Amino acid sequence: MTVSVRSITLMAIFIALNMILSRICSVHIPFEGVEGIRIGFATLPLVLSGILLGARLGFLAGLIGDVLGFILAPSGIFLPTFTIAAGLHGLLAGLIAGSGKIKDCSRWRMYLAIAVSQILVAIFLVPCLLQWHFGIPFWVTLPARLITQGILIPIYCMLIYAIVDRVKFGYREQSVGSSQ
């Protein structure tokens, strides 16, 4: 698999955005001494990377973003399972949206990619990991996660659709300009 300079650049931007949004621009709600819920837009760049760059690079962006974020601003102990969960946001979105083929991705397929990645990872996987690692019961964080994702998923859909629509428009302009 060859990766273009454009893809590497976009991936670096998404990683930087993920680190900023997760470590600085998020509200952290602790449960029993550990971070139980993080409210913010940290996964938006990961889902966007999966949709725009494909499942592999989306997964890689999540892994790198989580590891670098932990190195630069550690909070607690490093748990690789949460790193894999971060990567799954990009992987699932990329697999469902069409793995980086932005021209073929419909609006509803994109919405489905966003919803499935958020529901599977943020609502189900992360609470299971919190229970496994820290003993926080799954059902304790579930109501807050359902409310949070019920608000964030539509916002993610609007923001990501607006960004992808602009990127598609940029592709059309480049292809029209290059043919003349």
N, C-alpha and C. Protein backbone atom coordinates (compact mmCIF):
# COMPACT_ATOMS: atom_id res chain seq x y z
N MET A 1 0.84 -1.18 0.00
CA MET A 1 0.00 0.00 0.00
C MET A 1 0.88 1.25 0.00
N THR A 2 0.74 2.05 -1.03
CA THR A 2 1.48 3.31 -1.07
C THR A 2 0.60 4.42 -0.51
N VAL A 3 1.23 5.29 0.21
CA VAL A 3 0.52 6.39 0.85
C VAL A 3 1.05 7.69 0.28
N SER A 4 0.16 8.54 -0.19
CA SER A 4 0.57 9.80 -0.80
C SER A 4 0.98 10.82 0.27
N VAL A 5 1.71 11.82 -0.18
CA VAL A 5 2.12 12.90 0.70
C VAL A 5 0.88 13.63 1.23
N ARG A 6 -0.12 13.78 0.37
CA ARG A 6 -1.38 14.42 0.78
C ARG A 6 -2.03 13.65 1.92
N SER A 7 -2.06 12.32 1.82
CA SER A 7 -2.67 11.49 2.87
C SER A 7 -1.90 11.60 4.18
N ILE A 8 -0.58 11.59 4.09
CA ILE A 8 0.25 11.72 5.30
C ILE A 8 0.02 13.08 5.95
N THR A 9 -0.06 14.12 5.13
CA THR A 9 -0.29 15.47 5.65
C THR A 9 -1.65 15.57 6.33
N LEU A 10 -2.68 15.06 5.67
CA LEU A 10 -4.01 15.08 6.28
C LEU A 10 -4.05 14.26 7.56
N MET A 11 -3.37 13.11 7.55
CA MET A 11 -3.34 12.28 8.75
C MET A 11 -2.66 13.03 9.90
N ALA A 12 -1.58 13.74 9.61
CA ALA A 12 -0.90 14.52 10.65
C ALA A 12 -1.81 15.61 11.21
N ILE A 13 -2.58 16.25 10.33
CA ILE A 13 -3.52 17.27 10.78
C ILE A 13 -4.59 16.66 11.68
N PHE A 14 -5.13 15.51 11.26
CA PHE A 14 -6.16 14.84 12.06
C PHE A 14 -5.61 14.38 13.41
N ILE A 15 -4.37 13.90 13.44
CA ILE A 15 -3.75 13.48 14.70
C ILE A 15 -3.59 14.68 15.63
N ALA A 16 -3.09 15.80 15.08
CA ALA A 16 -2.92 17.01 15.90
C ALA A 16 -4.27 17.50 16.44
N LEU A 17 -5.28 17.51 15.59
CA LEU A 17 -6.62 17.91 16.04
C LEU A 17 -7.15 16.99 17.13
N ASN A 18 -6.93 15.69 16.95
CA ASN A 18 -7.37 14.73 17.97
C ASN A 18 -6.69 14.99 19.30
N MET A 19 -5.40 15.24 19.27
CA MET A 19 -4.66 15.49 20.51
C MET A 19 -5.16 16.76 21.20
N ILE A 20 -5.37 17.81 20.42
CA ILE A 20 -5.84 19.07 20.99
C ILE A 20 -7.26 18.93 21.54
N LEU A 21 -8.14 18.33 20.74
CA LEU A 21 -9.54 18.21 21.16
C LEU A 21 -9.73 17.25 22.33
N SER A 22 -8.89 16.22 22.42
CA SER A 22 -9.07 15.26 23.51
C SER A 22 -8.41 15.69 24.80
N ARG A 23 -7.27 16.35 24.72
CA ARG A 23 -6.53 16.68 25.93
C ARG A 23 -6.85 18.07 26.47
N ILE A 24 -7.18 19.00 25.58
CA ILE A 24 -7.35 20.39 26.00
C ILE A 24 -8.80 20.84 25.95
N CYS A 25 -9.50 20.51 24.87
CA CYS A 25 -10.85 21.02 24.63
C CYS A 25 -11.94 20.01 24.96
N SER A 26 -11.79 19.29 26.04
CA SER A 26 -12.79 18.30 26.45
C SER A 26 -13.11 18.47 27.92
N VAL A 27 -14.31 18.06 28.28
CA VAL A 27 -14.72 18.03 29.68
C VAL A 27 -14.57 16.59 30.16
N HIS A 28 -13.84 16.41 31.24
CA HIS A 28 -13.59 15.08 31.78
C HIS A 28 -14.43 14.88 33.04
N ILE A 29 -15.22 13.82 33.05
CA ILE A 29 -16.06 13.51 34.21
C ILE A 29 -15.51 12.24 34.86
N PRO A 30 -14.97 12.36 36.08
CA PRO A 30 -14.39 11.18 36.73
C PRO A 30 -15.43 10.30 37.41
N PHE A 31 -15.15 9.01 37.42
CA PHE A 31 -15.92 8.02 38.16
C PHE A 31 -14.93 7.19 38.97
N GLU A 32 -15.09 7.16 40.27
CA GLU A 32 -14.24 6.36 41.15
C GLU A 32 -12.76 6.63 40.93
N GLY A 33 -12.40 7.89 40.73
CA GLY A 33 -11.00 8.27 40.61
C GLY A 33 -10.40 8.16 39.22
N VAL A 34 -11.12 7.66 38.24
CA VAL A 34 -10.60 7.60 36.87
C VAL A 34 -11.58 8.33 35.95
N GLU A 35 -11.07 8.69 34.78
CA GLU A 35 -11.92 9.39 33.81
C GLU A 35 -12.98 8.43 33.28
N GLY A 36 -14.21 8.69 33.62
CA GLY A 36 -15.30 7.82 33.19
C GLY A 36 -15.91 8.25 31.87
N ILE A 37 -16.06 9.56 31.71
CA ILE A 37 -16.65 10.10 30.48
C ILE A 37 -15.86 11.33 30.07
N ARG A 38 -15.58 11.42 28.78
CA ARG A 38 -14.94 12.59 28.20
C ARG A 38 -15.91 13.17 27.18
N ILE A 39 -16.35 14.40 27.42
CA ILE A 39 -17.30 15.04 26.52
C ILE A 39 -16.54 16.06 25.67
N GLY A 40 -16.62 15.89 24.37
CA GLY A 40 -15.94 16.79 23.45
C GLY A 40 -15.93 16.23 22.05
N PHE A 41 -15.12 16.83 21.22
CA PHE A 41 -15.06 16.46 19.81
C PHE A 41 -13.78 15.71 19.45
N ALA A 42 -13.22 14.98 20.39
CA ALA A 42 -11.93 14.32 20.18
C ALA A 42 -11.98 13.26 19.08
N THR A 43 -13.08 12.56 18.95
CA THR A 43 -13.13 11.49 17.95
C THR A 43 -13.52 11.99 16.57
N LEU A 44 -13.97 13.23 16.46
CA LEU A 44 -14.35 13.77 15.15
C LEU A 44 -13.21 13.67 14.13
N PRO A 45 -11.97 14.08 14.45
CA PRO A 45 -10.90 13.94 13.46
C PRO A 45 -10.58 12.48 13.11
N LEU A 46 -10.79 11.57 14.05
CA LEU A 46 -10.52 10.16 13.78
C LEU A 46 -11.55 9.59 12.82
N VAL A 47 -12.81 9.90 13.05
CA VAL A 47 -13.88 9.45 12.15
C VAL A 47 -13.68 10.09 10.77
N LEU A 48 -13.34 11.35 10.75
CA LEU A 48 -13.10 12.06 9.49
C LEU A 48 -11.92 11.45 8.74
N SER A 49 -10.88 11.07 9.46
CA SER A 49 -9.73 10.44 8.79
C SER A 49 -10.11 9.10 8.19
N GLY A 50 -10.95 8.35 8.87
CA GLY A 50 -11.41 7.08 8.30
C GLY A 50 -12.23 7.29 7.04
N ILE A 51 -13.09 8.30 7.05
CA ILE A 51 -13.94 8.57 5.89
C ILE A 51 -13.12 9.10 4.72
N LEU A 52 -12.22 10.04 4.98
CA LEU A 52 -11.45 10.66 3.90
C LEU A 52 -10.25 9.84 3.44
N LEU A 53 -9.58 9.16 4.36
CA LEU A 53 -8.33 8.48 4.03
C LEU A 53 -8.45 6.97 3.95
N GLY A 54 -9.53 6.42 4.46
CA GLY A 54 -9.71 4.98 4.45
C GLY A 54 -9.53 4.37 5.82
N ALA A 55 -9.90 3.12 5.92
CA ALA A 55 -9.92 2.42 7.20
C ALA A 55 -8.53 2.26 7.80
N ARG A 56 -7.55 1.90 6.98
CA ARG A 56 -6.19 1.68 7.52
C ARG A 56 -5.59 2.95 8.10
N LEU A 57 -5.64 4.03 7.32
CA LEU A 57 -5.06 5.28 7.81
C LEU A 57 -5.90 5.88 8.94
N GLY A 58 -7.20 5.66 8.92
CA GLY A 58 -8.04 6.10 10.03
C GLY A 58 -7.67 5.40 11.32
N PHE A 59 -7.44 4.09 11.22
CA PHE A 59 -7.02 3.30 12.39
C PHE A 59 -5.65 3.78 12.88
N LEU A 60 -4.73 3.99 11.94
CA LEU A 60 -3.39 4.45 12.30
C LEU A 60 -3.43 5.83 12.94
N ALA A 61 -4.28 6.71 12.43
CA ALA A 61 -4.41 8.05 13.02
C ALA A 61 -4.88 7.96 14.48
N GLY A 62 -5.82 7.07 14.74
CA GLY A 62 -6.29 6.88 16.12
C GLY A 62 -5.21 6.35 17.03
N LEU A 63 -4.45 5.37 16.55
CA LEU A 63 -3.36 4.81 17.36
C LEU A 63 -2.30 5.85 17.67
N ILE A 64 -1.83 6.52 16.62
CA ILE A 64 -0.76 7.52 16.80
C ILE A 64 -1.25 8.68 17.66
N GLY A 65 -2.47 9.16 17.41
CA GLY A 65 -3.00 10.27 18.18
C GLY A 65 -3.11 9.96 19.67
N ASP A 66 -3.54 8.75 19.99
CA ASP A 66 -3.68 8.37 21.40
C ASP A 66 -2.32 8.23 22.07
N VAL A 67 -1.37 7.60 21.40
CA VAL A 67 -0.04 7.41 21.99
C VAL A 67 0.66 8.76 22.16
N LEU A 68 0.67 9.59 21.12
CA LEU A 68 1.32 10.90 21.23
C LEU A 68 0.61 11.78 22.26
N GLY A 69 -0.71 11.73 22.30
CA GLY A 69 -1.45 12.49 23.29
C GLY A 69 -1.09 12.07 24.71
N PHE A 70 -0.91 10.77 24.91
CA PHE A 70 -0.54 10.29 26.24
C PHE A 70 0.89 10.72 26.59
N ILE A 71 1.79 10.69 25.61
CA ILE A 71 3.18 11.09 25.87
C ILE A 71 3.25 12.57 26.22
N LEU A 72 2.51 13.41 25.49
CA LEU A 72 2.58 14.85 25.71
C LEU A 72 1.77 15.32 26.92
N ALA A 73 0.66 14.66 27.20
CA ALA A 73 -0.19 15.06 28.33
C ALA A 73 -0.78 13.82 28.99
N PRO A 74 0.05 13.09 29.75
CA PRO A 74 -0.44 11.84 30.34
C PRO A 74 -1.52 12.09 31.39
N SER A 75 -2.48 11.17 31.40
CA SER A 75 -3.51 11.22 32.44
C SER A 75 -3.74 9.78 32.89
N GLY A 76 -3.16 9.43 34.00
CA GLY A 76 -3.28 8.06 34.49
C GLY A 76 -2.25 7.15 33.85
N ILE A 77 -2.55 5.85 33.84
CA ILE A 77 -1.63 4.88 33.27
C ILE A 77 -1.98 4.65 31.81
N PHE A 78 -0.98 4.22 31.04
CA PHE A 78 -1.21 3.93 29.62
C PHE A 78 -1.81 2.53 29.49
N LEU A 79 -2.94 2.47 28.82
CA LEU A 79 -3.61 1.19 28.57
C LEU A 79 -3.80 1.03 27.07
N PRO A 80 -3.10 0.07 26.46
CA PRO A 80 -3.18 -0.11 25.00
C PRO A 80 -4.59 -0.42 24.50
N THR A 81 -5.44 -0.95 25.35
CA THR A 81 -6.80 -1.25 24.90
C THR A 81 -7.56 0.03 24.53
N PHE A 82 -7.30 1.12 25.23
CA PHE A 82 -7.94 2.38 24.89
C PHE A 82 -7.33 2.97 23.61
N THR A 83 -6.06 2.69 23.37
CA THR A 83 -5.43 3.10 22.11
C THR A 83 -6.08 2.38 20.94
N ILE A 84 -6.32 1.10 21.10
CA ILE A 84 -6.99 0.33 20.04
C ILE A 84 -8.42 0.86 19.85
N ALA A 85 -9.09 1.20 20.94
CA ALA A 85 -10.44 1.77 20.83
C ALA A 85 -10.42 3.08 20.04
N ALA A 86 -9.40 3.90 20.27
CA ALA A 86 -9.29 5.15 19.50
C ALA A 86 -9.10 4.86 18.02
N GLY A 87 -8.28 3.87 17.71
CA GLY A 87 -8.08 3.49 16.31
C GLY A 87 -9.34 2.94 15.67
N LEU A 88 -10.16 2.26 16.45
CA LEU A 88 -11.39 1.67 15.91
C LEU A 88 -12.38 2.72 15.40
N HIS A 89 -12.33 3.93 15.95
CA HIS A 89 -13.20 5.00 15.43
C HIS A 89 -12.91 5.22 13.95
N GLY A 90 -11.64 5.36 13.60
CA GLY A 90 -11.27 5.58 12.20
C GLY A 90 -11.47 4.35 11.35
N LEU A 91 -11.15 3.18 11.90
CA LEU A 91 -11.28 1.93 11.15
C LEU A 91 -12.73 1.66 10.77
N LEU A 92 -13.63 1.71 11.73
CA LEU A 92 -15.04 1.43 11.47
C LEU A 92 -15.65 2.44 10.50
N ALA A 93 -15.33 3.72 10.72
CA ALA A 93 -15.86 4.75 9.82
C ALA A 93 -15.36 4.53 8.40
N GLY A 94 -14.08 4.19 8.25
CA GLY A 94 -13.52 3.95 6.93
C GLY A 94 -14.11 2.73 6.25
N LEU A 95 -14.32 1.67 7.01
CA LEU A 95 -14.89 0.45 6.42
C LEU A 95 -16.32 0.68 5.94
N ILE A 96 -17.10 1.38 6.73
CA ILE A 96 -18.51 1.60 6.38
C ILE A 96 -18.66 2.65 5.29
N ALA A 97 -17.85 3.71 5.35
CA ALA A 97 -17.99 4.81 4.38
C ALA A 97 -17.44 4.46 3.01
N GLY A 98 -16.65 3.42 2.90
CA GLY A 98 -16.13 3.05 1.59
C GLY A 98 -14.63 3.14 1.48
N SER A 99 -13.96 3.19 2.59
CA SER A 99 -12.51 3.11 2.66
C SER A 99 -11.80 4.14 1.80
N GLY A 100 -12.12 5.40 2.01
CA GLY A 100 -11.36 6.48 1.40
C GLY A 100 -11.81 6.88 0.01
N LYS A 101 -12.81 6.24 -0.54
CA LYS A 101 -13.31 6.60 -1.86
C LYS A 101 -14.39 7.65 -1.68
N ILE A 102 -13.95 8.87 -1.51
CA ILE A 102 -14.85 9.95 -1.13
C ILE A 102 -15.92 10.22 -2.19
N LYS A 103 -15.58 9.98 -3.46
CA LYS A 103 -16.55 10.24 -4.53
C LYS A 103 -17.73 9.28 -4.47
N ASP A 104 -17.51 8.09 -3.92
CA ASP A 104 -18.55 7.07 -3.88
C ASP A 104 -19.37 7.07 -2.59
N CYS A 105 -19.01 7.90 -1.64
CA CYS A 105 -19.65 7.88 -0.33
C CYS A 105 -20.88 8.80 -0.32
N SER A 106 -22.05 8.21 -0.14
CA SER A 106 -23.27 9.00 -0.06
C SER A 106 -23.41 9.62 1.33
N ARG A 107 -24.30 10.58 1.42
CA ARG A 107 -24.54 11.24 2.70
C ARG A 107 -25.01 10.24 3.75
N TRP A 108 -25.92 9.35 3.41
CA TRP A 108 -26.48 8.41 4.38
C TRP A 108 -25.46 7.36 4.79
N ARG A 109 -24.60 6.97 3.85
CA ARG A 109 -23.54 6.02 4.20
C ARG A 109 -22.55 6.66 5.17
N MET A 110 -22.28 7.95 4.96
CA MET A 110 -21.40 8.68 5.86
C MET A 110 -22.04 8.79 7.25
N TYR A 111 -23.33 9.11 7.30
CA TYR A 111 -24.02 9.19 8.58
C TYR A 111 -24.01 7.83 9.30
N LEU A 112 -24.20 6.77 8.54
CA LEU A 112 -24.16 5.43 9.11
C LEU A 112 -22.78 5.13 9.67
N ALA A 113 -21.73 5.51 8.94
CA ALA A 113 -20.36 5.29 9.40
C ALA A 113 -20.10 6.01 10.72
N ILE A 114 -20.56 7.24 10.81
CA ILE A 114 -20.37 8.03 12.03
C ILE A 114 -21.13 7.39 13.19
N ALA A 115 -22.39 7.08 12.96
CA ALA A 115 -23.23 6.52 14.03
C ALA A 115 -22.71 5.17 14.51
N VAL A 116 -22.37 4.29 13.59
CA VAL A 116 -21.90 2.95 13.99
C VAL A 116 -20.60 3.04 14.76
N SER A 117 -19.65 3.85 14.28
CA SER A 117 -18.37 3.94 14.99
C SER A 117 -18.56 4.52 16.39
N GLN A 118 -19.39 5.54 16.53
CA GLN A 118 -19.63 6.13 17.84
C GLN A 118 -20.39 5.19 18.77
N ILE A 119 -21.40 4.52 18.24
CA ILE A 119 -22.21 3.62 19.08
C ILE A 119 -21.37 2.43 19.55
N LEU A 120 -20.68 1.78 18.63
CA LEU A 120 -19.92 0.59 19.01
C LEU A 120 -18.76 0.91 19.94
N VAL A 121 -18.03 1.99 19.65
CA VAL A 121 -16.83 2.28 20.45
C VAL A 121 -17.18 3.09 21.70
N ALA A 122 -17.82 4.25 21.51
CA ALA A 122 -18.04 5.16 22.65
C ALA A 122 -19.11 4.67 23.62
N ILE A 123 -20.16 4.04 23.10
CA ILE A 123 -21.24 3.62 23.99
C ILE A 123 -21.02 2.22 24.55
N PHE A 124 -20.45 1.32 23.76
CA PHE A 124 -20.32 -0.07 24.24
C PHE A 124 -18.89 -0.48 24.61
N LEU A 125 -17.91 -0.25 23.73
CA LEU A 125 -16.56 -0.75 23.99
C LEU A 125 -15.89 -0.05 25.17
N VAL A 126 -15.90 1.28 25.17
CA VAL A 126 -15.20 2.01 26.23
C VAL A 126 -15.76 1.70 27.62
N PRO A 127 -17.08 1.65 27.83
CA PRO A 127 -17.57 1.24 29.16
C PRO A 127 -17.16 -0.19 29.54
N CYS A 128 -17.10 -1.08 28.56
CA CYS A 128 -16.62 -2.44 28.85
C CYS A 128 -15.17 -2.40 29.31
N LEU A 129 -14.35 -1.57 28.65
CA LEU A 129 -12.94 -1.44 29.04
C LEU A 129 -12.82 -0.80 30.42
N LEU A 130 -13.65 0.19 30.72
CA LEU A 130 -13.63 0.79 32.06
C LEU A 130 -13.99 -0.22 33.13
N GLN A 131 -14.94 -1.07 32.82
CA GLN A 131 -15.32 -2.11 33.79
C GLN A 131 -14.19 -3.13 33.94
N TRP A 132 -13.58 -3.51 32.84
CA TRP A 132 -12.52 -4.52 32.87
C TRP A 132 -11.29 -4.02 33.61
N HIS A 133 -10.87 -2.78 33.31
CA HIS A 133 -9.64 -2.25 33.91
C HIS A 133 -9.84 -1.69 35.32
N PHE A 134 -10.95 -1.01 35.54
CA PHE A 134 -11.11 -0.26 36.79
C PHE A 134 -12.29 -0.70 37.64
N GLY A 135 -13.08 -1.63 37.16
CA GLY A 135 -14.21 -2.12 37.93
C GLY A 135 -15.41 -1.19 37.95
N ILE A 136 -15.44 -0.18 37.06
CA ILE A 136 -16.60 0.71 36.98
C ILE A 136 -17.71 -0.03 36.25
N PRO A 137 -18.84 -0.25 36.89
CA PRO A 137 -19.91 -1.01 36.24
C PRO A 137 -20.37 -0.37 34.92
N PHE A 138 -20.58 -1.21 33.94
CA PHE A 138 -21.01 -0.79 32.61
C PHE A 138 -22.24 0.12 32.69
N TRP A 139 -23.19 -0.25 33.52
CA TRP A 139 -24.46 0.47 33.60
C TRP A 139 -24.36 1.82 34.28
N VAL A 140 -23.26 2.08 34.99
CA VAL A 140 -23.09 3.36 35.66
C VAL A 140 -22.85 4.49 34.65
N THR A 141 -22.01 4.23 33.66
CA THR A 141 -21.68 5.27 32.68
C THR A 141 -22.60 5.27 31.47
N LEU A 142 -23.37 4.21 31.28
CA LEU A 142 -24.19 4.08 30.08
C LEU A 142 -25.20 5.22 29.89
N PRO A 143 -25.98 5.62 30.90
CA PRO A 143 -26.94 6.71 30.66
C PRO A 143 -26.28 8.01 30.18
N ALA A 144 -25.19 8.39 30.82
CA ALA A 144 -24.50 9.61 30.41
C ALA A 144 -23.92 9.47 29.01
N ARG A 145 -23.43 8.29 28.66
CA ARG A 145 -22.89 8.06 27.31
C ARG A 145 -23.99 8.12 26.26
N LEU A 146 -25.15 7.56 26.58
CA LEU A 146 -26.27 7.61 25.63
C LEU A 146 -26.70 9.05 25.36
N ILE A 147 -26.78 9.85 26.42
CA ILE A 147 -27.16 11.25 26.26
C ILE A 147 -26.09 12.00 25.47
N THR A 148 -24.83 11.82 25.86
CA THR A 148 -23.73 12.50 25.18
C THR A 148 -23.69 12.16 23.70
N GLN A 149 -23.75 10.88 23.38
CA GLN A 149 -23.68 10.47 21.97
C GLN A 149 -24.95 10.85 21.22
N GLY A 150 -26.08 10.89 21.91
CA GLY A 150 -27.31 11.36 21.28
C GLY A 150 -27.21 12.80 20.81
N ILE A 151 -26.40 13.58 21.50
CA ILE A 151 -26.15 14.96 21.11
C ILE A 151 -25.01 15.05 20.10
N LEU A 152 -23.92 14.31 20.35
CA LEU A 152 -22.72 14.43 19.51
C LEU A 152 -22.87 13.81 18.13
N ILE A 153 -23.57 12.70 18.00
CA ILE A 153 -23.66 12.04 16.69
C ILE A 153 -24.29 12.96 15.64
N PRO A 154 -25.42 13.63 15.91
CA PRO A 154 -25.94 14.56 14.89
C PRO A 154 -24.99 15.73 14.60
N ILE A 155 -24.31 16.22 15.63
CA ILE A 155 -23.34 17.31 15.41
C ILE A 155 -22.19 16.81 14.55
N TYR A 156 -21.66 15.62 14.85
CA TYR A 156 -20.61 15.03 14.03
C TYR A 156 -21.08 14.88 12.58
N CYS A 157 -22.30 14.42 12.40
CA CYS A 157 -22.84 14.23 11.04
C CYS A 157 -22.85 15.55 10.28
N MET A 158 -23.32 16.62 10.91
CA MET A 158 -23.37 17.92 10.24
C MET A 158 -21.97 18.44 9.93
N LEU A 159 -21.07 18.38 10.91
CA LEU A 159 -19.72 18.90 10.70
C LEU A 159 -18.95 18.09 9.66
N ILE A 160 -18.99 16.78 9.78
CA ILE A 160 -18.24 15.93 8.85
C ILE A 160 -18.82 16.04 7.44
N TYR A 161 -20.13 16.10 7.32
CA TYR A 161 -20.73 16.25 5.99
C TYR A 161 -20.29 17.57 5.36
N ALA A 162 -20.28 18.65 6.14
CA ALA A 162 -19.85 19.95 5.61
C ALA A 162 -18.39 19.91 5.16
N ILE A 163 -17.54 19.26 5.93
CA ILE A 163 -16.12 19.16 5.57
C ILE A 163 -15.94 18.30 4.33
N VAL A 164 -16.58 17.14 4.32
CA VAL A 164 -16.44 16.22 3.18
C VAL A 164 -17.02 16.85 1.92
N ASP A 165 -18.11 17.58 2.05
CA ASP A 165 -18.71 18.25 0.89
C ASP A 165 -17.73 19.27 0.31
N ARG A 166 -17.03 20.00 1.16
CA ARG A 166 -16.02 20.96 0.68
C ARG A 166 -14.85 20.24 0.03
N VAL A 167 -14.45 19.12 0.59
CA VAL A 167 -13.35 18.35 0.01
C VAL A 167 -13.76 17.81 -1.36
N LYS A 168 -14.99 17.31 -1.47
CA LYS A 168 -15.49 16.84 -2.77
C LYS A 168 -15.50 17.98 -3.78
N PHE A 169 -15.92 19.17 -3.34
CA PHE A 169 -15.95 20.34 -4.22
C PHE A 169 -14.54 20.67 -4.68
N GLY A 170 -13.57 20.56 -3.78
CA GLY A 170 -12.17 20.80 -4.14
C GLY A 170 -11.68 19.81 -5.18
N TYR A 171 -12.09 18.54 -5.06
CA TYR A 171 -11.73 17.53 -6.05
C TYR A 171 -12.32 17.89 -7.41
N ARG A 172 -13.58 18.35 -7.43
CA ARG A 172 -14.22 18.71 -8.71
C ARG A 172 -13.49 19.88 -9.35
N GLU A 173 -13.13 20.89 -8.56
CA GLU A 173 -12.43 22.05 -9.11
C GLU A 173 -11.07 21.65 -9.66
N GLN A 174 -10.34 20.78 -8.95
CA GLN A 174 -9.04 20.34 -9.43
C GLN A 174 -9.17 19.57 -10.73
N SER A 175 -10.14 18.68 -10.82
CA SER A 175 -10.29 17.88 -12.03
C SER A 175 -10.74 18.74 -13.21
N VAL A 176 -11.58 19.75 -12.98
CA VAL A 176 -11.99 20.65 -14.05
C VAL A 176 -10.82 21.51 -14.48
N GLY A 177 -10.08 22.03 -13.51
CA GLY A 177 -8.94 22.89 -13.82
C GLY A 177 -7.82 22.16 -14.53
N SER A 178 -7.61 20.89 -14.22
CA SER A 178 -6.51 20.14 -14.82
C SER A 178 -6.81 19.71 -16.24
N SER A 179 -8.10 19.67 -16.64
CA SER A 179 -8.44 19.21 -17.98
C SER A 179 -8.33 20.33 -19.01
N GLN A 180 -8.21 21.57 -18.58
CA GLN A 180 -8.15 22.68 -19.53
C GLN A 180 -6.76 22.99 -19.95
